[in-house]
Amino acid sequence: MAESRFPRSQKELIKLARGAATQREFAMRLKVDKSCLSRYESGKLGAPVRVIDECLKIVANGLVEPNSPSIASALEHARMTVKCLEQ
């Protein structure tokens, strides 16, 4: 992620959303087990849509213009992609 502030993988998205929180703290916020969060974050296990959605919301809220049409469109495309991958 050195070249871009936008995540390009589940692993990068979750780490960016977690920020300075510990895995334990962030797992509690997401209502998942810490060991599952660790596997999501390492890319060893695919995160469920609700976890990805929550991480997308956290990252979007950190942007200067979270309600801009391009951000909303990107979030919708990311959600559709995750749903397709889960099928």
C-alpha atoms as a PDB file:
ATOM      1  CA  MET A   1       0.000   0.000   0.000  1.00  0.00           C
ATOM      2  CA  ALA A   2       2.963   2.324  -0.178  1.00  0.00           C
ATOM      3  CA  GLU A   3       1.869   3.653  -3.602  1.00  0.00           C
ATOM      4  CA  SER A   4      -1.818   4.126  -2.791  1.00  0.00           C
ATOM      5  CA  ARG A   5      -3.899   4.995   0.226  1.00  0.00           C
ATOM      6  CA  PHE A   6      -6.626   2.688  -1.032  1.00  0.00           C
ATOM      7  CA  PRO A   7      -6.547  -1.015  -0.138  1.00  0.00           C
ATOM      8  CA  ARG A   8      -6.162  -3.523  -2.950  1.00  0.00           C
ATOM      9  CA  SER A   9      -6.943  -6.705  -1.042  1.00  0.00           C
ATOM     10  CA  GLN A  10      -8.975  -7.992   1.891  1.00  0.00           C
ATOM     11  CA  LYS A  11      -5.772  -8.077   3.920  1.00  0.00           C
ATOM     12  CA  GLU A  12      -4.984  -4.405   3.220  1.00  0.00           C
ATOM     13  CA  LEU A  13      -8.603  -3.323   3.764  1.00  0.00           C
ATOM     14  CA  ILE A  14      -8.850  -4.942   7.188  1.00  0.00           C
ATOM     15  CA  LYS A  15      -5.471  -3.624   8.336  1.00  0.00           C
ATOM     16  CA  LEU A  16      -6.361  -0.122   7.164  1.00  0.00           C
ATOM     17  CA  ALA A  17      -9.753  -0.253   8.886  1.00  0.00           C
ATOM     18  CA  ARG A  18      -8.214  -1.608  12.115  1.00  0.00           C
ATOM     19  CA  GLY A  19      -5.748   1.273  12.290  1.00  0.00           C
ATOM     20  CA  ALA A  20      -4.041   1.472  15.681  1.00  0.00           C
ATOM     21  CA  ALA A  21      -6.552  -0.805  17.434  1.00  0.00           C
ATOM     22  CA  THR A  22      -5.332  -4.185  18.610  1.00  0.00           C
ATOM     23  CA  GLN A  23      -6.677  -7.289  16.899  1.00  0.00           C
ATOM     24  CA  ARG A  24      -8.593  -8.083  20.081  1.00  0.00           C
ATOM     25  CA  GLU A  25     -10.230  -4.630  20.171  1.00  0.00           C
ATOM     26  CA  PHE A  26     -11.087  -4.686  16.482  1.00  0.00           C
ATOM     27  CA  ALA A  27     -12.423  -8.248  16.659  1.00  0.00           C
ATOM     28  CA  MET A  28     -14.774  -7.147  19.444  1.00  0.00           C
ATOM     29  CA  ARG A  29     -15.958  -4.209  17.333  1.00  0.00           C
ATOM     30  CA  LEU A  30     -16.627  -6.539  14.385  1.00  0.00           C
ATOM     31  CA  LYS A  31     -18.176  -9.175  16.670  1.00  0.00           C
ATOM     32  CA  VAL A  32     -15.817 -11.902  15.457  1.00  0.00           C
ATOM     33  CA  ASP A  33     -13.319 -14.148  17.201  1.00  0.00           C
ATOM     34  CA  LYS A  34      -9.778 -12.743  17.387  1.00  0.00           C
ATOM     35  CA  SER A  35      -8.368 -15.848  15.710  1.00  0.00           C
ATOM     36  CA  CYS A  36     -10.790 -15.387  12.785  1.00  0.00           C
ATOM     37  CA  LEU A  37      -9.788 -11.732  12.462  1.00  0.00           C
ATOM     38  CA  SER A  38      -6.149 -12.793  12.391  1.00  0.00           C
ATOM     39  CA  ARG A  39      -6.873 -15.220   9.539  1.00  0.00           C
ATOM     40  CA  TYR A  40      -8.927 -12.609   7.650  1.00  0.00           C
ATOM     41  CA  GLU A  41      -6.130 -10.094   8.088  1.00  0.00           C
ATOM     42  CA  SER A  42      -3.452 -12.513   6.901  1.00  0.00           C
ATOM     43  CA  GLY A  43      -5.539 -13.491   3.883  1.00  0.00           C
ATOM     44  CA  LYS A  44      -5.722 -17.127   4.987  1.00  0.00           C
ATOM     45  CA  LEU A  45      -9.529 -16.999   5.300  1.00  0.00           C
ATOM     46  CA  GLY A  46     -12.112 -15.050   3.342  1.00  0.00           C
ATOM     47  CA  ALA A  47     -13.989 -12.575   5.505  1.00  0.00           C
ATOM     48  CA  PRO A  48     -17.802 -12.585   5.428  1.00  0.00           C
ATOM     49  CA  VAL A  49     -19.607  -9.783   3.598  1.00  0.00           C
ATOM     50  CA  ARG A  50     -20.674  -8.067   6.830  1.00  0.00           C
ATOM     51  CA  VAL A  51     -17.020  -7.803   7.967  1.00  0.00           C
ATOM     52  CA  ILE A  52     -15.916  -6.413   4.592  1.00  0.00           C
ATOM     53  CA  ASP A  53     -18.865  -3.980   4.610  1.00  0.00           C
ATOM     54  CA  GLU A  54     -17.975  -2.743   8.101  1.00  0.00           C
ATOM     55  CA  CYS A  55     -14.328  -2.277   7.103  1.00  0.00           C
ATOM     56  CA  LEU A  56     -15.412  -0.401   3.954  1.00  0.00           C
ATOM     57  CA  LYS A  57     -17.576   1.898   6.084  1.00  0.00           C
ATOM     58  CA  ILE A  58     -14.715   2.571   8.501  1.00  0.00           C
ATOM     59  CA  VAL A  59     -12.305   3.401   5.675  1.00  0.00           C
ATOM     60  CA  ALA A  60     -14.889   5.511   3.808  1.00  0.00           C
ATOM     61  CA  ASN A  61     -15.648   7.505   6.958  1.00  0.00           C
ATOM     62  CA  GLY A  62     -11.967   8.390   7.143  1.00  0.00           C
ATOM     63  CA  LEU A  63     -11.992   9.977   3.680  1.00  0.00           C
ATOM     64  CA  VAL A  64     -12.462  13.706   3.201  1.00  0.00           C
ATOM     65  CA  GLU A  65     -15.575  13.306   1.055  1.00  0.00           C
ATOM     66  CA  PRO A  66     -17.169   9.994   2.086  1.00  0.00           C
ATOM     67  CA  ASN A  67     -20.479  10.786   0.366  1.00  0.00           C
ATOM     68  CA  SER A  68     -19.077  11.664  -3.045  1.00  0.00           C
ATOM     69  CA  PRO A  69     -20.606   9.707  -5.942  1.00  0.00           C
ATOM     70  CA  SER A  70     -17.275   8.079  -6.842  1.00  0.00           C
ATOM     71  CA  ILE A  71     -16.782   6.729  -3.306  1.00  0.00           C
ATOM     72  CA  ALA A  72     -20.361   5.471  -3.116  1.00  0.00           C
ATOM     73  CA  SER A  73     -19.937   3.789  -6.490  1.00  0.00           C
ATOM     74  CA  ALA A  74     -16.641   2.186  -5.450  1.00  0.00           C
ATOM     75  CA  LEU A  75     -18.199   0.868  -2.242  1.00  0.00           C
ATOM     76  CA  GLU A  76     -21.141  -0.605  -4.152  1.00  0.00           C
ATOM     77  CA  HIS A  77     -18.808  -2.285  -6.653  1.00  0.00           C
ATOM     78  CA  ALA A  78     -16.717  -3.712  -3.813  1.00  0.00           C
ATOM     79  CA  ARG A  79     -19.831  -5.108  -2.115  1.00  0.00           C
ATOM     80  CA  MET A  80     -21.040  -6.708  -5.356  1.00  0.00           C
ATOM     81  CA  THR A  81     -17.605  -8.242  -5.924  1.00  0.00           C
ATOM     82  CA  VAL A  82     -17.519  -9.743  -2.435  1.00  0.00           C
ATOM     83  CA  LYS A  83     -21.011 -11.208  -2.878  1.00  0.00           C
ATOM     84  CA  CYS A  84     -20.015 -12.774  -6.214  1.00  0.00           C
ATOM     85  CA  LEU A  85     -16.873 -14.263  -4.686  1.00  0.00           C
ATOM     86  CA  GLU A  86     -18.849 -15.795  -1.837  1.00  0.00           C
ATOM     87  CA  GLN A  87     -21.170 -17.688  -4.186  1.00  0.00           C
END
